[in-house]
Amino acid sequence: MSRVAETSAAAWLESLPSAHLALLYKHSPICGSSRQAEVEVSDFISAHPEARVYRVDVIGERALSAELAELLGVAHESPQAILLAGRTVVWHGSHGEVTATDLDSAYRAAARDLESEE
């Protein structure tokens, strides 16, 4: 799992390849639900080592997290997972929806959709 490496959400979004999937995981280090969601995201990564997964600490990187919510049009929640195809949100979930099973289903569906567009 990588950190969002850019200093602005816009720059990070621009750096994403348009024909690839990326999972953005918004995590709070002081939230029990986030700790459980992080385990689920790790399980997803184990099943999909090819997946590009990025993490934002919503406490330490509050401005970046807020900017991402605004640019993506997805209201901020934590924990939260946002699946992007390029710069387009194709799925998002928060709290109890951030499970390895839900992430896997969303990822597989989005990958099929990308393949059918090629």
PDB file of N, CA and C in Angstrom:
ATOM      1  N   MET A   1       0.856  -1.165   0.000  1.00  0.00           N
ATOM      2  CA  MET A   1       0.000   0.000   0.000  1.00  0.00           C
ATOM      3  C   MET A   1       0.906   1.233   0.000  1.00  0.00           C
ATOM      4  N   SER A   2       0.664   2.117  -0.944  1.00  0.00           N
ATOM      5  CA  SER A   2       1.466   3.326  -1.075  1.00  0.00           C
ATOM      6  C   SER A   2       0.722   4.523  -0.506  1.00  0.00           C
ATOM      7  N   ARG A   3       1.473   5.513  -0.106  1.00  0.00           N
ATOM      8  CA  ARG A   3       0.860   6.781   0.286  1.00  0.00           C
ATOM      9  C   ARG A   3       0.569   7.573  -0.982  1.00  0.00           C
ATOM     10  N   VAL A   4      -0.446   8.420  -0.910  1.00  0.00           N
ATOM     11  CA  VAL A   4      -0.661   9.368  -2.002  1.00  0.00           C
ATOM     12  C   VAL A   4       0.551  10.285  -1.971  1.00  0.00           C
ATOM     13  N   ALA A   5       1.357  10.247  -3.018  1.00  0.00           N
ATOM     14  CA  ALA A   5       2.672  10.864  -2.997  1.00  0.00           C
ATOM     15  C   ALA A   5       2.683  12.335  -3.398  1.00  0.00           C
ATOM     16  N   GLU A   6       1.611  12.802  -3.955  1.00  0.00           N
ATOM     17  CA  GLU A   6       1.593  14.194  -4.414  1.00  0.00           C
ATOM     18  C   GLU A   6       1.180  15.121  -3.274  1.00  0.00           C
ATOM     19  N   THR A   7       1.516  16.383  -3.417  1.00  0.00           N
ATOM     20  CA  THR A   7       1.162  17.347  -2.390  1.00  0.00           C
ATOM     21  C   THR A   7      -0.255  17.879  -2.577  1.00  0.00           C
ATOM     22  N   SER A   8      -0.836  17.649  -3.737  1.00  0.00           N
ATOM     23  CA  SER A   8      -2.219  18.073  -3.952  1.00  0.00           C
ATOM     24  C   SER A   8      -3.000  16.913  -4.547  1.00  0.00           C
ATOM     25  N   ALA A   9      -4.284  16.888  -4.240  1.00  0.00           N
ATOM     26  CA  ALA A   9      -5.151  15.842  -4.771  1.00  0.00           C
ATOM     27  C   ALA A   9      -5.210  15.919  -6.291  1.00  0.00           C
ATOM     28  N   ALA A  10      -5.263  17.124  -6.825  1.00  0.00           N
ATOM     29  CA  ALA A  10      -5.344  17.287  -8.275  1.00  0.00           C
ATOM     30  C   ALA A  10      -4.116  16.696  -8.955  1.00  0.00           C
ATOM     31  N   ALA A  11      -2.937  16.952  -8.404  1.00  0.00           N
ATOM     32  CA  ALA A  11      -1.705  16.415  -8.993  1.00  0.00           C
ATOM     33  C   ALA A  11      -1.690  14.894  -8.911  1.00  0.00           C
ATOM     34  N   TRP A  12      -2.141  14.342  -7.783  1.00  0.00           N
ATOM     35  CA  TRP A  12      -2.183  12.889  -7.653  1.00  0.00           C
ATOM     36  C   TRP A  12      -3.143  12.275  -8.667  1.00  0.00           C
ATOM     37  N   LEU A  13      -4.329  12.857  -8.786  1.00  0.00           N
ATOM     38  CA  LEU A  13      -5.306  12.336  -9.748  1.00  0.00           C
ATOM     39  C   LEU A  13      -4.763  12.398 -11.172  1.00  0.00           C
ATOM     40  N   GLU A  14      -4.087  13.465 -11.512  1.00  0.00           N
ATOM     41  CA  GLU A  14      -3.506  13.597 -12.847  1.00  0.00           C
ATOM     42  C   GLU A  14      -2.435  12.554 -13.104  1.00  0.00           C
ATOM     43  N   SER A  15      -1.783  12.079 -12.049  1.00  0.00           N
ATOM     44  CA  SER A  15      -0.709  11.102 -12.220  1.00  0.00           C
ATOM     45  C   SER A  15      -1.230   9.680 -12.457  1.00  0.00           C
ATOM     46  N   LEU A  16      -2.524   9.453 -12.235  1.00  0.00           N
ATOM     47  CA  LEU A  16      -3.080   8.109 -12.412  1.00  0.00           C
ATOM     48  C   LEU A  16      -3.253   7.791 -13.895  1.00  0.00           C
ATOM     49  N   PRO A  17      -2.806   6.615 -14.316  1.00  0.00           N
ATOM     50  CA  PRO A  17      -3.019   6.214 -15.717  1.00  0.00           C
ATOM     51  C   PRO A  17      -4.514   6.059 -15.996  1.00  0.00           C
ATOM     52  N   SER A  18      -4.957   6.506 -17.146  1.00  0.00           N
ATOM     53  CA  SER A  18      -6.391   6.522 -17.443  1.00  0.00           C
ATOM     54  C   SER A  18      -6.996   5.139 -17.632  1.00  0.00           C
ATOM     55  N   ALA A  19      -6.203   4.153 -17.986  1.00  0.00           N
ATOM     56  CA  ALA A  19      -6.761   2.824 -18.264  1.00  0.00           C
ATOM     57  C   ALA A  19      -6.445   1.816 -17.157  1.00  0.00           C
ATOM     58  N   HIS A  20      -6.219   2.312 -15.940  1.00  0.00           N
ATOM     59  CA  HIS A  20      -5.890   1.422 -14.833  1.00  0.00           C
ATOM     60  C   HIS A  20      -6.793   1.694 -13.632  1.00  0.00           C
ATOM     61  N   LEU A  21      -6.911   0.676 -12.804  1.00  0.00           N
ATOM     62  CA  LEU A  21      -7.671   0.808 -11.570  1.00  0.00           C
ATOM     63  C   LEU A  21      -6.747   1.221 -10.437  1.00  0.00           C
ATOM     64  N   ALA A  22      -7.279   2.011  -9.527  1.00  0.00           N
ATOM     65  CA  ALA A  22      -6.554   2.396  -8.319  1.00  0.00           C
ATOM     66  C   ALA A  22      -7.553   2.420  -7.171  1.00  0.00           C
ATOM     67  N   LEU A  23      -7.137   1.892  -6.042  1.00  0.00           N
ATOM     68  CA  LEU A  23      -7.970   1.903  -4.846  1.00  0.00           C
ATOM     69  C   LEU A  23      -7.392   2.915  -3.874  1.00  0.00           C
ATOM     70  N   LEU A  24      -8.195   3.868  -3.486  1.00  0.00           N
ATOM     71  CA  LEU A  24      -7.813   4.876  -2.510  1.00  0.00           C
ATOM     72  C   LEU A  24      -8.447   4.492  -1.180  1.00  0.00           C
ATOM     73  N   TYR A  25      -7.624   4.288  -0.178  1.00  0.00           N
ATOM     74  CA  TYR A  25      -8.115   3.924   1.150  1.00  0.00           C
ATOM     75  C   TYR A  25      -7.866   5.081   2.101  1.00  0.00           C
ATOM     76  N   LYS A  26      -8.940   5.624   2.669  1.00  0.00           N
ATOM     77  CA  LYS A  26      -8.836   6.734   3.617  1.00  0.00           C
ATOM     78  C   LYS A  26      -8.947   6.166   5.035  1.00  0.00           C
ATOM     79  N   HIS A  27      -7.876   6.371   5.809  1.00  0.00           N
ATOM     80  CA  HIS A  27      -7.692   5.719   7.105  1.00  0.00           C
ATOM     81  C   HIS A  27      -7.511   6.742   8.225  1.00  0.00           C
ATOM     82  N   SER A  28      -8.137   6.469   9.354  1.00  0.00           N
ATOM     83  CA  SER A  28      -7.914   7.271  10.552  1.00  0.00           C
ATOM     84  C   SER A  28      -7.144   6.425  11.564  1.00  0.00           C
ATOM     85  N   PRO A  29      -5.961   6.890  11.968  1.00  0.00           N
ATOM     86  CA  PRO A  29      -5.156   6.109  12.905  1.00  0.00           C
ATOM     87  C   PRO A  29      -5.742   6.047  14.321  1.00  0.00           C
ATOM     88  N   ILE A  30      -6.790   6.797  14.597  1.00  0.00           N
ATOM     89  CA  ILE A  30      -7.379   6.800  15.937  1.00  0.00           C
ATOM     90  C   ILE A  30      -8.757   6.143  15.984  1.00  0.00           C
ATOM     91  N   CYS A  31      -9.117   5.452  14.926  1.00  0.00           N
ATOM     92  CA  CYS A  31     -10.462   4.872  14.812  1.00  0.00           C
ATOM     93  C   CYS A  31     -10.387   3.349  14.765  1.00  0.00           C
ATOM     94  N   GLY A  32     -11.123   2.693  15.646  1.00  0.00           N
ATOM     95  CA  GLY A  32     -11.165   1.240  15.666  1.00  0.00           C
ATOM     96  C   GLY A  32     -11.696   0.653  14.373  1.00  0.00           C
ATOM     97  N   SER A  33     -12.703   1.289  13.789  1.00  0.00           N
ATOM     98  CA  SER A  33     -13.251   0.808  12.514  1.00  0.00           C
ATOM     99  C   SER A  33     -12.196   0.857  11.418  1.00  0.00           C
ATOM    100  N   SER A  34     -11.354   1.879  11.460  1.00  0.00           N
ATOM    101  CA  SER A  34     -10.288   1.990  10.463  1.00  0.00           C
ATOM    102  C   SER A  34      -9.260   0.877  10.628  1.00  0.00           C
ATOM    103  N   ARG A  35      -8.982   0.502  11.866  1.00  0.00           N
ATOM    104  CA  ARG A  35      -8.023  -0.589  12.075  1.00  0.00           C
ATOM    105  C   ARG A  35      -8.554  -1.884  11.459  1.00  0.00           C
ATOM    106  N   GLN A  36      -9.842  -2.161  11.649  1.00  0.00           N
ATOM    107  CA  GLN A  36     -10.426  -3.362  11.056  1.00  0.00           C
ATOM    108  C   GLN A  36     -10.454  -3.257   9.531  1.00  0.00           C
ATOM    109  N   ALA A  37     -10.822  -2.088   9.023  1.00  0.00           N
ATOM    110  CA  ALA A  37     -10.858  -1.898   7.565  1.00  0.00           C
ATOM    111  C   ALA A  37      -9.470  -2.079   6.967  1.00  0.00           C
ATOM    112  N   GLU A  38      -8.434  -1.641   7.678  1.00  0.00           N
ATOM    113  CA  GLU A  38      -7.078  -1.790   7.155  1.00  0.00           C
ATOM    114  C   GLU A  38      -6.703  -3.270   7.020  1.00  0.00           C
ATOM    115  N   VAL A  39      -7.168  -4.095   7.937  1.00  0.00           N
ATOM    116  CA  VAL A  39      -6.952  -5.544   7.830  1.00  0.00           C
ATOM    117  C   VAL A  39      -7.638  -6.064   6.570  1.00  0.00           C
ATOM    118  N   GLU A  40      -8.854  -5.599   6.323  1.00  0.00           N
ATOM    119  CA  GLU A  40      -9.599  -6.016   5.131  1.00  0.00           C
ATOM    120  C   GLU A  40      -8.889  -5.567   3.851  1.00  0.00           C
ATOM    121  N   VAL A  41      -8.393  -4.347   3.843  1.00  0.00           N
ATOM    122  CA  VAL A  41      -7.661  -3.844   2.675  1.00  0.00           C
ATOM    123  C   VAL A  41      -6.391  -4.675   2.469  1.00  0.00           C
ATOM    124  N   SER A  42      -5.709  -5.016   3.544  1.00  0.00           N
ATOM    125  CA  SER A  42      -4.514  -5.860   3.438  1.00  0.00           C
ATOM    126  C   SER A  42      -4.857  -7.229   2.872  1.00  0.00           C
ATOM    127  N   ASP A  43      -5.996  -7.794   3.292  1.00  0.00           N
ATOM    128  CA  ASP A  43      -6.442  -9.077   2.736  1.00  0.00           C
ATOM    129  C   ASP A  43      -6.736  -8.941   1.235  1.00  0.00           C
ATOM    130  N   PHE A  44      -7.347  -7.826   0.854  1.00  0.00           N
ATOM    131  CA  PHE A  44      -7.602  -7.564  -0.567  1.00  0.00           C
ATOM    132  C   PHE A  44      -6.283  -7.505  -1.333  1.00  0.00           C
ATOM    133  N   ILE A  45      -5.295  -6.814  -0.786  1.00  0.00           N
ATOM    134  CA  ILE A  45      -3.990  -6.687  -1.438  1.00  0.00           C
ATOM    135  C   ILE A  45      -3.338  -8.053  -1.596  1.00  0.00           C
ATOM    136  N   SER A  46      -3.480  -8.899  -0.594  1.00  0.00           N
ATOM    137  CA  SER A  46      -2.910 -10.248  -0.681  1.00  0.00           C
ATOM    138  C   SER A  46      -3.528 -11.032  -1.835  1.00  0.00           C
ATOM    139  N   ALA A  47      -4.826 -10.840  -2.041  1.00  0.00           N
ATOM    140  CA  ALA A  47      -5.524 -11.534  -3.130  1.00  0.00           C
ATOM    141  C   ALA A  47      -5.267 -10.888  -4.489  1.00  0.00           C
ATOM    142  N   HIS A  48      -4.914  -9.615  -4.483  1.00  0.00           N
ATOM    143  CA  HIS A  48      -4.697  -8.861  -5.728  1.00  0.00           C
ATOM    144  C   HIS A  48      -3.383  -8.080  -5.640  1.00  0.00           C
ATOM    145  N   PRO A  49      -2.253  -8.779  -5.666  1.00  0.00           N
ATOM    146  CA  PRO A  49      -0.972  -8.069  -5.538  1.00  0.00           C
ATOM    147  C   PRO A  49      -0.708  -7.094  -6.684  1.00  0.00           C
ATOM    148  N   GLU A  50      -1.430  -7.259  -7.793  1.00  0.00           N
ATOM    149  CA  GLU A  50      -1.267  -6.351  -8.930  1.00  0.00           C
ATOM    150  C   GLU A  50      -1.990  -5.020  -8.732  1.00  0.00           C
ATOM    151  N   ALA A  51      -2.862  -4.964  -7.745  1.00  0.00           N
ATOM    152  CA  ALA A  51      -3.688  -3.767  -7.536  1.00  0.00           C
ATOM    153  C   ALA A  51      -2.845  -2.590  -7.047  1.00  0.00           C
ATOM    154  N   ARG A  52      -3.191  -1.439  -7.559  1.00  0.00           N
ATOM    155  CA  ARG A  52      -2.571  -0.195  -7.087  1.00  0.00           C
ATOM    156  C   ARG A  52      -3.443   0.319  -5.939  1.00  0.00           C
ATOM    157  N   VAL A  53      -2.889   0.323  -4.746  1.00  0.00           N
ATOM    158  CA  VAL A  53      -3.640   0.731  -3.557  1.00  0.00           C
ATOM    159  C   VAL A  53      -2.885   1.874  -2.893  1.00  0.00           C
ATOM    160  N   TYR A  54      -3.611   2.937  -2.609  1.00  0.00           N
ATOM    161  CA  TYR A  54      -3.037   4.140  -2.014  1.00  0.00           C
ATOM    162  C   TYR A  54      -3.767   4.444  -0.713  1.00  0.00           C
ATOM    163  N   ARG A  55      -3.022   4.955   0.252  1.00  0.00           N
ATOM    164  CA  ARG A  55      -3.562   5.229   1.585  1.00  0.00           C
ATOM    165  C   ARG A  55      -3.405   6.708   1.909  1.00  0.00           C
ATOM    166  N   VAL A  56      -4.451   7.266   2.498  1.00  0.00           N
ATOM    167  CA  VAL A  56      -4.403   8.639   2.995  1.00  0.00           C
ATOM    168  C   VAL A  56      -4.762   8.599   4.476  1.00  0.00           C
ATOM    169  N   ASP A  57      -3.914   9.189   5.292  1.00  0.00           N
ATOM    170  CA  ASP A  57      -4.175   9.342   6.723  1.00  0.00           C
ATOM    171  C   ASP A  57      -5.055  10.587   6.868  1.00  0.00           C
ATOM    172  N   VAL A  58      -6.327  10.382   7.211  1.00  0.00           N
ATOM    173  CA  VAL A  58      -7.276  11.498   7.230  1.00  0.00           C
ATOM    174  C   VAL A  58      -7.018  12.476   8.376  1.00  0.00           C
ATOM    175  N   ILE A  59      -6.221  12.084   9.349  1.00  0.00           N
ATOM    176  CA  ILE A  59      -5.852  12.989  10.439  1.00  0.00           C
ATOM    177  C   ILE A  59      -4.590  13.763  10.055  1.00  0.00           C
ATOM    178  N   GLY A  60      -3.555  13.052   9.678  1.00  0.00           N
ATOM    179  CA  GLY A  60      -2.274  13.677   9.341  1.00  0.00           C
ATOM    180  C   GLY A  60      -2.284  14.434   8.028  1.00  0.00           C
ATOM    181  N   GLU A  61      -3.178  14.026   7.124  1.00  0.00           N
ATOM    182  CA  GLU A  61      -3.255  14.676   5.814  1.00  0.00           C
ATOM    183  C   GLU A  61      -4.685  15.163   5.559  1.00  0.00           C
ATOM    184  N   ARG A  62      -5.185  15.890   6.539  1.00  0.00           N
ATOM    185  CA  ARG A  62      -6.577  16.347   6.525  1.00  0.00           C
ATOM    186  C   ARG A  62      -6.918  17.174   5.283  1.00  0.00           C
ATOM    187  N   ALA A  63      -6.057  18.107   4.914  1.00  0.00           N
ATOM    188  CA  ALA A  63      -6.340  18.967   3.753  1.00  0.00           C
ATOM    189  C   ALA A  63      -6.372  18.137   2.468  1.00  0.00           C
ATOM    190  N   LEU A  64      -5.433  17.210   2.314  1.00  0.00           N
ATOM    191  CA  LEU A  64      -5.405  16.343   1.142  1.00  0.00           C
ATOM    192  C   LEU A  64      -6.664  15.484   1.087  1.00  0.00           C
ATOM    193  N   SER A  65      -7.064  14.940   2.215  1.00  0.00           N
ATOM    194  CA  SER A  65      -8.265  14.114   2.283  1.00  0.00           C
ATOM    195  C   SER A  65      -9.510  14.909   1.890  1.00  0.00           C
ATOM    196  N   ALA A  66      -9.610  16.126   2.388  1.00  0.00           N
ATOM    197  CA  ALA A  66     -10.758  16.980   2.050  1.00  0.00           C
ATOM    198  C   ALA A  66     -10.757  17.350   0.571  1.00  0.00           C
ATOM    199  N   GLU A  67      -9.585  17.639   0.026  1.00  0.00           N
ATOM    200  CA  GLU A  67      -9.481  17.987  -1.391  1.00  0.00           C
ATOM    201  C   GLU A  67      -9.869  16.796  -2.270  1.00  0.00           C
ATOM    202  N   LEU A  68      -9.448  15.595  -1.881  1.00  0.00           N
ATOM    203  CA  LEU A  68      -9.832  14.391  -2.629  1.00  0.00           C
ATOM    204  C   LEU A  68     -11.346  14.213  -2.612  1.00  0.00           C
ATOM    205  N   ALA A  69     -11.969  14.392  -1.451  1.00  0.00           N
ATOM    206  CA  ALA A  69     -13.422  14.258  -1.353  1.00  0.00           C
ATOM    207  C   ALA A  69     -14.113  15.229  -2.298  1.00  0.00           C
ATOM    208  N   GLU A  70     -13.636  16.457  -2.328  1.00  0.00           N
ATOM    209  CA  GLU A  70     -14.242  17.476  -3.186  1.00  0.00           C
ATOM    210  C   GLU A  70     -14.047  17.154  -4.669  1.00  0.00           C
ATOM    211  N   LEU A  71     -12.833  16.837  -5.062  1.00  0.00           N
ATOM    212  CA  LEU A  71     -12.551  16.570  -6.475  1.00  0.00           C
ATOM    213  C   LEU A  71     -13.237  15.302  -6.982  1.00  0.00           C
ATOM    214  N   LEU A  72     -13.345  14.296  -6.114  1.00  0.00           N
ATOM    215  CA  LEU A  72     -13.951  13.034  -6.528  1.00  0.00           C
ATOM    216  C   LEU A  72     -15.469  13.038  -6.383  1.00  0.00           C
ATOM    217  N   GLY A  73     -16.005  14.005  -5.646  1.00  0.00           N
ATOM    218  CA  GLY A  73     -17.450  14.068  -5.447  1.00  0.00           C
ATOM    219  C   GLY A  73     -17.974  12.975  -4.533  1.00  0.00           C
ATOM    220  N   VAL A  74     -17.110  12.499  -3.633  1.00  0.00           N
ATOM    221  CA  VAL A  74     -17.488  11.466  -2.676  1.00  0.00           C
ATOM    222  C   VAL A  74     -17.318  12.049  -1.279  1.00  0.00           C
ATOM    223  N   ALA A  75     -18.423  12.207  -0.569  1.00  0.00           N
ATOM    224  CA  ALA A  75     -18.378  12.790   0.772  1.00  0.00           C
ATOM    225  C   ALA A  75     -17.399  12.019   1.651  1.00  0.00           C
ATOM    226  N   HIS A  76     -16.618  12.749   2.420  1.00  0.00           N
ATOM    227  CA  HIS A  76     -15.610  12.139   3.276  1.00  0.00           C
ATOM    228  C   HIS A  76     -16.247  11.278   4.365  1.00  0.00           C
ATOM    229  N   GLU A  77     -15.699  10.093   4.521  1.00  0.00           N
ATOM    230  CA  GLU A  77     -15.998   9.225   5.646  1.00  0.00           C
ATOM    231  C   GLU A  77     -14.709   8.491   5.965  1.00  0.00           C
ATOM    232  N   SER A  78     -14.672   7.885   7.123  1.00  0.00           N
ATOM    233  CA  SER A  78     -13.474   7.143   7.504  1.00  0.00           C
ATOM    234  C   SER A  78     -13.894   6.002   8.424  1.00  0.00           C
ATOM    235  N   PRO A  79     -13.465   4.803   8.102  1.00  0.00           N
ATOM    236  CA  PRO A  79     -12.670   4.409   6.955  1.00  0.00           C
ATOM    237  C   PRO A  79     -13.493   4.468   5.676  1.00  0.00           C
ATOM    238  N   GLN A  80     -12.785   4.607   4.580  1.00  0.00           N
ATOM    239  CA  GLN A  80     -13.454   4.717   3.284  1.00  0.00           C
ATOM    240  C   GLN A  80     -12.536   4.171   2.201  1.00  0.00           C
ATOM    241  N   ALA A  81     -13.135   3.480   1.248  1.00  0.00           N
ATOM    242  CA  ALA A  81     -12.405   2.987   0.083  1.00  0.00           C
ATOM    243  C   ALA A  81     -13.085   3.534  -1.161  1.00  0.00           C
ATOM    244  N   ILE A  82     -12.271   4.025  -2.085  1.00  0.00           N
ATOM    245  CA  ILE A  82     -12.776   4.591  -3.331  1.00  0.00           C
ATOM    246  C   ILE A  82     -12.004   3.930  -4.470  1.00  0.00           C
ATOM    247  N   LEU A  83     -12.730   3.247  -5.343  1.00  0.00           N
ATOM    248  CA  LEU A  83     -12.116   2.580  -6.485  1.00  0.00           C
ATOM    249  C   LEU A  83     -12.237   3.491  -7.696  1.00  0.00           C
ATOM    250  N   LEU A  84     -11.102   3.744  -8.324  1.00  0.00           N
ATOM    251  CA  LEU A  84     -11.035   4.635  -9.478  1.00  0.00           C
ATOM    252  C   LEU A  84     -10.607   3.869 -10.716  1.00  0.00           C
ATOM    253  N   ALA A  85     -11.248   4.166 -11.821  1.00  0.00           N
ATOM    254  CA  ALA A  85     -10.787   3.729 -13.136  1.00  0.00           C
ATOM    255  C   ALA A  85     -10.255   4.998 -13.773  1.00  0.00           C
ATOM    256  N   GLY A  86      -8.945   5.120 -13.788  1.00  0.00           N
ATOM    257  CA  GLY A  86      -8.352   6.392 -14.175  1.00  0.00           C
ATOM    258  C   GLY A  86      -8.694   7.422 -13.114  1.00  0.00           C
ATOM    259  N   ARG A  87      -9.387   8.450 -13.510  1.00  0.00           N
ATOM    260  CA  ARG A  87      -9.772   9.510 -12.572  1.00  0.00           C
ATOM    261  C   ARG A  87     -11.261   9.467 -12.244  1.00  0.00           C
ATOM    262  N   THR A  88     -11.930   8.377 -12.632  1.00  0.00           N
ATOM    263  CA  THR A  88     -13.369   8.245 -12.453  1.00  0.00           C
ATOM    264  C   THR A  88     -13.688   7.281 -11.321  1.00  0.00           C
ATOM    265  N   VAL A  89     -14.549   7.708 -10.406  1.00  0.00           N
ATOM    266  CA  VAL A  89     -14.985   6.844  -9.311  1.00  0.00           C
ATOM    267  C   VAL A  89     -15.931   5.790  -9.883  1.00  0.00           C
ATOM    268  N   VAL A  90     -15.595   4.512  -9.662  1.00  0.00           N
ATOM    269  CA  VAL A  90     -16.453   3.429 -10.131  1.00  0.00           C
ATOM    270  C   VAL A  90     -17.130   2.699  -8.970  1.00  0.00           C
ATOM    271  N   TRP A  91     -16.645   2.916  -7.749  1.00  0.00           N
ATOM    272  CA  TRP A  91     -17.241   2.310  -6.552  1.00  0.00           C
ATOM    273  C   TRP A  91     -16.666   3.014  -5.342  1.00  0.00           C
ATOM    274  N   HIS A  92     -17.478   3.121  -4.306  1.00  0.00           N
ATOM    275  CA  HIS A  92     -16.951   3.579  -3.021  1.00  0.00           C
ATOM    276  C   HIS A  92     -17.786   2.997  -1.896  1.00  0.00           C
ATOM    277  N   GLY A  93     -17.152   2.812  -0.779  1.00  0.00           N
ATOM    278  CA  GLY A  93     -17.821   2.286   0.398  1.00  0.00           C
ATOM    279  C   GLY A  93     -17.120   2.788   1.641  1.00  0.00           C
ATOM    280  N   SER A  94     -17.841   2.746   2.743  1.00  0.00           N
ATOM    281  CA  SER A  94     -17.242   3.185   3.992  1.00  0.00           C
ATOM    282  C   SER A  94     -17.672   2.262   5.125  1.00  0.00           C
ATOM    283  N   HIS A  95     -16.971   2.401   6.219  1.00  0.00           N
ATOM    284  CA  HIS A  95     -17.226   1.642   7.435  1.00  0.00           C
ATOM    285  C   HIS A  95     -17.352   0.139   7.142  1.00  0.00           C
ATOM    286  N   GLY A  96     -18.497  -0.465   7.381  1.00  0.00           N
ATOM    287  CA  GLY A  96     -18.681  -1.899   7.209  1.00  0.00           C
ATOM    288  C   GLY A  96     -18.636  -2.381   5.780  1.00  0.00           C
ATOM    289  N   GLU A  97     -18.642  -1.460   4.823  1.00  0.00           N
ATOM    290  CA  GLU A  97     -18.552  -1.833   3.404  1.00  0.00           C
ATOM    291  C   GLU A  97     -17.108  -2.037   2.946  1.00  0.00           C
ATOM    292  N   VAL A  98     -16.158  -1.662   3.787  1.00  0.00           N
ATOM    293  CA  VAL A  98     -14.749  -1.828   3.425  1.00  0.00           C
ATOM    294  C   VAL A  98     -14.316  -3.215   3.899  1.00  0.00           C
ATOM    295  N   THR A  99     -14.693  -4.210   3.100  1.00  0.00           N
ATOM    296  CA  THR A  99     -14.321  -5.594   3.379  1.00  0.00           C
ATOM    297  C   THR A  99     -13.564  -6.142   2.187  1.00  0.00           C
ATOM    298  N   ALA A 100     -12.757  -7.152   2.431  1.00  0.00           N
ATOM    299  CA  ALA A 100     -12.020  -7.777   1.336  1.00  0.00           C
ATOM    300  C   ALA A 100     -12.985  -8.306   0.281  1.00  0.00           C
ATOM    301  N   THR A 101     -14.121  -8.843   0.711  1.00  0.00           N
ATOM    302  CA  THR A 101     -15.110  -9.384  -0.221  1.00  0.00           C
ATOM    303  C   THR A 101     -15.710  -8.286  -1.090  1.00  0.00           C
ATOM    304  N   ASP A 102     -16.118  -7.175  -0.473  1.00  0.00           N
ATOM    305  CA  ASP A 102     -16.699  -6.079  -1.244  1.00  0.00           C
ATOM    306  C   ASP A 102     -15.665  -5.454  -2.181  1.00  0.00           C
ATOM    307  N   LEU A 103     -14.443  -5.285  -1.689  1.00  0.00           N
ATOM    308  CA  LEU A 103     -13.381  -4.726  -2.529  1.00  0.00           C
ATOM    309  C   LEU A 103     -13.095  -5.645  -3.714  1.00  0.00           C
ATOM    310  N   ASP A 104     -13.038  -6.943  -3.457  1.00  0.00           N
ATOM    311  CA  ASP A 104     -12.794  -7.914  -4.517  1.00  0.00           C
ATOM    312  C   ASP A 104     -13.891  -7.845  -5.577  1.00  0.00           C
ATOM    313  N   SER A 105     -15.142  -7.821  -5.143  1.00  0.00           N
ATOM    314  CA  SER A 105     -16.266  -7.771  -6.100  1.00  0.00           C
ATOM    315  C   SER A 105     -16.215  -6.508  -6.944  1.00  0.00           C
ATOM    316  N   ALA A 106     -15.984  -5.370  -6.299  1.00  0.00           N
ATOM    317  CA  ALA A 106     -15.927  -4.101  -7.025  1.00  0.00           C
ATOM    318  C   ALA A 106     -14.746  -4.081  -7.987  1.00  0.00           C
ATOM    319  N   TYR A 107     -13.600  -4.584  -7.539  1.00  0.00           N
ATOM    320  CA  TYR A 107     -12.396  -4.587  -8.359  1.00  0.00           C
ATOM    321  C   TYR A 107     -12.576  -5.477  -9.592  1.00  0.00           C
ATOM    322  N   ARG A 108     -13.111  -6.672  -9.388  1.00  0.00           N
ATOM    323  CA  ARG A 108     -13.320  -7.596 -10.513  1.00  0.00           C
ATOM    324  C   ARG A 108     -14.313  -7.017 -11.531  1.00  0.00           C
ATOM    325  N   ALA A 109     -15.402  -6.419 -11.035  1.00  0.00           N
ATOM    326  CA  ALA A 109     -16.398  -5.824 -11.934  1.00  0.00           C
ATOM    327  C   ALA A 109     -15.783  -4.673 -12.725  1.00  0.00           C
ATOM    328  N   ALA A 110     -15.028  -3.824 -12.058  1.00  0.00           N
ATOM    329  CA  ALA A 110     -14.405  -2.690 -12.746  1.00  0.00           C
ATOM    330  C   ALA A 110     -13.359  -3.168 -13.756  1.00  0.00           C
ATOM    331  N   ALA A 111     -12.611  -4.217 -13.407  1.00  0.00           N
ATOM    332  CA  ALA A 111     -11.619  -4.752 -14.340  1.00  0.00           C
ATOM    333  C   ALA A 111     -12.297  -5.319 -15.584  1.00  0.00           C
ATOM    334  N   ARG A 112     -13.434  -6.004 -15.399  1.00  0.00           N
ATOM    335  CA  ARG A 112     -14.184  -6.509 -16.558  1.00  0.00           C
ATOM    336  C   ARG A 112     -14.676  -5.366 -17.437  1.00  0.00           C
ATOM    337  N   ASP A 113     -15.153  -4.307 -16.792  1.00  0.00           N
ATOM    338  CA  ASP A 113     -15.637  -3.152 -17.555  1.00  0.00           C
ATOM    339  C   ASP A 113     -14.502  -2.506 -18.355  1.00  0.00           C
ATOM    340  N   LEU A 114     -13.328  -2.390 -17.754  1.00  0.00           N
ATOM    341  CA  LEU A 114     -12.191  -1.818 -18.469  1.00  0.00           C
ATOM    342  C   LEU A 114     -11.789  -2.700 -19.652  1.00  0.00           C
ATOM    343  N   GLU A 115     -11.782  -4.005 -19.454  1.00  0.00           N
ATOM    344  CA  GLU A 115     -11.431  -4.923 -20.530  1.00  0.00           C
ATOM    345  C   GLU A 115     -12.418  -4.826 -21.697  1.00  0.00           C
ATOM    346  N   SER A 116     -13.690  -4.688 -21.382  1.00  0.00           N
ATOM    347  CA  SER A 116     -14.706  -4.626 -22.441  1.00  0.00           C
ATOM    348  C   SER A 116     -14.625  -3.311 -23.229  1.00  0.00           C
ATOM    349  N   GLU A 117     -14.024  -2.281 -22.642  1.00  0.00           N
ATOM    350  CA  GLU A 117     -13.869  -0.994 -23.331  1.00  0.00           C
ATOM    351  C   GLU A 117     -12.695  -1.014 -24.295  1.00  0.00           C
ATOM    352  N   GLU A 118     -11.778  -1.953 -24.121  1.00  0.00           N
ATOM    353  CA  GLU A 118     -10.566  -1.982 -24.967  1.00  0.00           C
ATOM    354  C   GLU A 118     -10.844  -2.535 -26.327  1.00  0.00           C
TER     355      GLU A 118
END
